């Protein structure tokens, strides 16, 4: 079951929300698990130190995740996708731009597409 607004596809709903949050300069992400892609607001891309990239392969993002946190992050993503609904997890990232270690906390919801197959994590 999708929690998107009536008549709006989950991805379109997440995109609309991302635009609102971006206007408020908040860090917003959408992770399409099936496609292995992350879409980021400008604030999220800036915070993560990845320059102007607004869409990137999850594998590229994961190369910057602190080595001690990567397995746990993958497990948290899997749990969120299996459970659906709200999630919250924290991890460290080494910013590619400057090598600084930052701590991120991802909060959001796992949403299934209308067909019930694909899962997107958005937050």
C-alpha atoms as a PDB file:
ATOM      1  CA  UNK A   1       0.000   0.000   0.000  1.00  0.00           C
ATOM      2  CA  UNK A   2       1.312   3.437  -0.911  1.00  0.00           C
ATOM      3  CA  UNK A   3       1.037   6.373   1.459  1.00  0.00           C
ATOM      4  CA  UNK A   4       1.272   8.904  -1.379  1.00  0.00           C
ATOM      5  CA  UNK A   5      -1.394  11.567  -1.712  1.00  0.00           C
ATOM      6  CA  UNK A   6      -4.562  10.284  -3.432  1.00  0.00           C
ATOM      7  CA  UNK A   7      -4.069  10.197  -7.195  1.00  0.00           C
ATOM      8  CA  UNK A   8      -0.306  10.814  -6.953  1.00  0.00           C
ATOM      9  CA  UNK A   9       2.378   8.192  -7.585  1.00  0.00           C
ATOM     10  CA  UNK A  10       4.783   7.638  -4.696  1.00  0.00           C
ATOM     11  CA  UNK A  11       7.752   9.002  -6.654  1.00  0.00           C
ATOM     12  CA  UNK A  12       5.816  12.126  -7.707  1.00  0.00           C
ATOM     13  CA  UNK A  13       4.727  12.656  -4.100  1.00  0.00           C
ATOM     14  CA  UNK A  14       8.297  12.311  -2.847  1.00  0.00           C
ATOM     15  CA  UNK A  15       9.480  14.704  -5.569  1.00  0.00           C
ATOM     16  CA  UNK A  16       6.885  17.293  -4.567  1.00  0.00           C
ATOM     17  CA  UNK A  17       7.867  16.941  -0.908  1.00  0.00           C
ATOM     18  CA  UNK A  18      11.549  17.230  -1.828  1.00  0.00           C
ATOM     19  CA  UNK A  19      10.830  20.494  -3.646  1.00  0.00           C
ATOM     20  CA  UNK A  20       9.059  21.919  -0.595  1.00  0.00           C
ATOM     21  CA  UNK A  21      11.845  20.859   1.739  1.00  0.00           C
ATOM     22  CA  UNK A  22      14.530  22.105  -0.666  1.00  0.00           C
ATOM     23  CA  UNK A  23      12.854  25.508  -0.673  1.00  0.00           C
ATOM     24  CA  UNK A  24      13.162  25.429   3.106  1.00  0.00           C
ATOM     25  CA  UNK A  25      16.859  24.437   2.690  1.00  0.00           C
ATOM     26  CA  UNK A  26      16.402  21.059   4.390  1.00  0.00           C
ATOM     27  CA  UNK A  27      18.365  17.940   3.485  1.00  0.00           C
ATOM     28  CA  UNK A  28      16.014  15.522   1.717  1.00  0.00           C
ATOM     29  CA  UNK A  29      16.740  12.208   0.016  1.00  0.00           C
ATOM     30  CA  UNK A  30      14.954   9.485  -1.909  1.00  0.00           C
ATOM     31  CA  UNK A  31      16.624   6.095  -2.294  1.00  0.00           C
ATOM     32  CA  UNK A  32      15.159   3.878  -4.992  1.00  0.00           C
ATOM     33  CA  UNK A  33      16.336   0.478  -3.776  1.00  0.00           C
ATOM     34  CA  UNK A  34      15.494  -1.430  -6.964  1.00  0.00           C
ATOM     35  CA  UNK A  35      17.317   1.048  -9.202  1.00  0.00           C
ATOM     36  CA  UNK A  36      20.140   1.574  -6.692  1.00  0.00           C
ATOM     37  CA  UNK A  37      19.844   5.357  -7.068  1.00  0.00           C
ATOM     38  CA  UNK A  38      19.790   8.227  -4.587  1.00  0.00           C
ATOM     39  CA  UNK A  39      18.177  11.568  -5.350  1.00  0.00           C
ATOM     40  CA  UNK A  40      19.163  14.435  -3.083  1.00  0.00           C
ATOM     41  CA  UNK A  41      18.074  17.975  -2.377  1.00  0.00           C
ATOM     42  CA  UNK A  42      20.726  20.641  -2.849  1.00  0.00           C
ATOM     43  CA  UNK A  43      21.086  20.926   0.934  1.00  0.00           C
ATOM     44  CA  UNK A  44      21.679  17.164   1.247  1.00  0.00           C
ATOM     45  CA  UNK A  45      24.291  17.156  -1.537  1.00  0.00           C
ATOM     46  CA  UNK A  46      26.075  20.105   0.058  1.00  0.00           C
ATOM     47  CA  UNK A  47      26.019  18.558   3.544  1.00  0.00           C
ATOM     48  CA  UNK A  48      27.428  15.277   2.192  1.00  0.00           C
ATOM     49  CA  UNK A  49      30.185  17.135   0.360  1.00  0.00           C
ATOM     50  CA  UNK A  50      29.423  15.636  -3.020  1.00  0.00           C
ATOM     51  CA  UNK A  51      29.237  18.887  -4.935  1.00  0.00           C
ATOM     52  CA  UNK A  52      26.317  19.553  -7.215  1.00  0.00           C
ATOM     53  CA  UNK A  53      25.375  15.890  -7.760  1.00  0.00           C
ATOM     54  CA  UNK A  54      21.655  15.590  -7.126  1.00  0.00           C
ATOM     55  CA  UNK A  55      21.299  12.017  -8.354  1.00  0.00           C
ATOM     56  CA  UNK A  56      23.900   9.330  -7.839  1.00  0.00           C
ATOM     57  CA  UNK A  57      24.283   5.598  -7.613  1.00  0.00           C
ATOM     58  CA  UNK A  58      23.837   4.309  -4.073  1.00  0.00           C
ATOM     59  CA  UNK A  59      27.122   2.428  -4.564  1.00  0.00           C
ATOM     60  CA  UNK A  60      28.907   5.758  -5.130  1.00  0.00           C
ATOM     61  CA  UNK A  61      27.394   7.130  -1.919  1.00  0.00           C
ATOM     62  CA  UNK A  62      28.310   3.952  -0.058  1.00  0.00           C
ATOM     63  CA  UNK A  63      31.993   4.305  -1.014  1.00  0.00           C
ATOM     64  CA  UNK A  64      32.030   7.388   1.246  1.00  0.00           C
ATOM     65  CA  UNK A  65      30.317   5.683   4.198  1.00  0.00           C
ATOM     66  CA  UNK A  66      32.718   5.083   7.090  1.00  0.00           C
ATOM     67  CA  UNK A  67      34.035   1.507   6.798  1.00  0.00           C
ATOM     68  CA  UNK A  68      32.902   0.660  10.349  1.00  0.00           C
ATOM     69  CA  UNK A  69      29.307   1.677   9.526  1.00  0.00           C
ATOM     70  CA  UNK A  70      28.747   0.253   6.039  1.00  0.00           C
ATOM     71  CA  UNK A  71      27.508  -3.251   6.941  1.00  0.00           C
ATOM     72  CA  UNK A  72      25.156  -1.821   9.571  1.00  0.00           C
ATOM     73  CA  UNK A  73      23.828   0.759   7.089  1.00  0.00           C
ATOM     74  CA  UNK A  74      23.078  -1.994   4.549  1.00  0.00           C
ATOM     75  CA  UNK A  75      21.288  -4.019   7.247  1.00  0.00           C
ATOM     76  CA  UNK A  76      19.256  -0.980   8.350  1.00  0.00           C
ATOM     77  CA  UNK A  77      18.188  -0.304   4.753  1.00  0.00           C
ATOM     78  CA  UNK A  78      17.094  -3.933   4.330  1.00  0.00           C
ATOM     79  CA  UNK A  79      15.122  -3.857   7.592  1.00  0.00           C
ATOM     80  CA  UNK A  80      13.418  -0.593   6.626  1.00  0.00           C
ATOM     81  CA  UNK A  81      12.443  -2.010   3.222  1.00  0.00           C
ATOM     82  CA  UNK A  82      11.120  -5.252   4.706  1.00  0.00           C
ATOM     83  CA  UNK A  83       9.142  -3.528   7.475  1.00  0.00           C
ATOM     84  CA  UNK A  84       7.898  -0.542   5.533  1.00  0.00           C
ATOM     85  CA  UNK A  85       6.767   2.602   7.297  1.00  0.00           C
ATOM     86  CA  UNK A  86       8.975   4.876   9.411  1.00  0.00           C
ATOM     87  CA  UNK A  87      12.701   4.327   9.872  1.00  0.00           C
ATOM     88  CA  UNK A  88      15.621   6.037  11.579  1.00  0.00           C
ATOM     89  CA  UNK A  89      19.294   5.150  11.424  1.00  0.00           C
ATOM     90  CA  UNK A  90      22.615   6.937  11.873  1.00  0.00           C
ATOM     91  CA  UNK A  91      25.971   6.491  10.199  1.00  0.00           C
ATOM     92  CA  UNK A  92      29.224   8.297   9.517  1.00  0.00           C
ATOM     93  CA  UNK A  93      30.401   9.448   6.138  1.00  0.00           C
ATOM     94  CA  UNK A  94      33.783  10.685   4.927  1.00  0.00           C
ATOM     95  CA  UNK A  95      32.950  13.674   2.725  1.00  0.00           C
ATOM     96  CA  UNK A  96      34.570  13.208  -0.706  1.00  0.00           C
ATOM     97  CA  UNK A  97      34.955  16.964  -1.075  1.00  0.00           C
ATOM     98  CA  UNK A  98      37.196  17.531   1.943  1.00  0.00           C
ATOM     99  CA  UNK A  99      37.737  14.211   3.786  1.00  0.00           C
ATOM    100  CA  UNK A 100      35.864  15.451   6.863  1.00  0.00           C
ATOM    101  CA  UNK A 101      33.981  12.772   8.832  1.00  0.00           C
ATOM    102  CA  UNK A 102      30.369  13.732   9.441  1.00  0.00           C
ATOM    103  CA  UNK A 103      27.561  11.963  11.275  1.00  0.00           C
ATOM    104  CA  UNK A 104      24.267  11.604   9.431  1.00  0.00           C
ATOM    105  CA  UNK A 105      20.907  10.567  10.773  1.00  0.00           C
ATOM    106  CA  UNK A 106      18.431   9.342   8.188  1.00  0.00           C
ATOM    107  CA  UNK A 107      14.779   9.578   9.175  1.00  0.00           C
ATOM    108  CA  UNK A 108      11.862   8.924   6.914  1.00  0.00           C
ATOM    109  CA  UNK A 109       9.566   6.235   5.589  1.00  0.00           C
ATOM    110  CA  UNK A 110       9.864   3.208   3.363  1.00  0.00           C
ATOM    111  CA  UNK A 111       7.188   3.359   0.683  1.00  0.00           C
ATOM    112  CA  UNK A 112       6.156   0.637  -1.771  1.00  0.00           C
ATOM    113  CA  UNK A 113       5.204   1.522  -5.324  1.00  0.00           C
ATOM    114  CA  UNK A 114       1.605   1.131  -6.454  1.00  0.00           C
ATOM    115  CA  UNK A 115       2.259  -2.430  -7.684  1.00  0.00           C
ATOM    116  CA  UNK A 116       3.655  -3.346  -4.245  1.00  0.00           C
ATOM    117  CA  UNK A 117       7.056  -4.348  -5.626  1.00  0.00           C
ATOM    118  CA  UNK A 118       9.654  -1.594  -5.542  1.00  0.00           C
ATOM    119  CA  UNK A 119      10.569   0.159  -2.321  1.00  0.00           C
ATOM    120  CA  UNK A 120      11.818   3.713  -1.916  1.00  0.00           C
ATOM    121  CA  UNK A 121      13.267   5.133   1.262  1.00  0.00           C
ATOM    122  CA  UNK A 122      12.525   8.822   1.543  1.00  0.00           C
ATOM    123  CA  UNK A 123      13.313  11.285   4.260  1.00  0.00           C
END
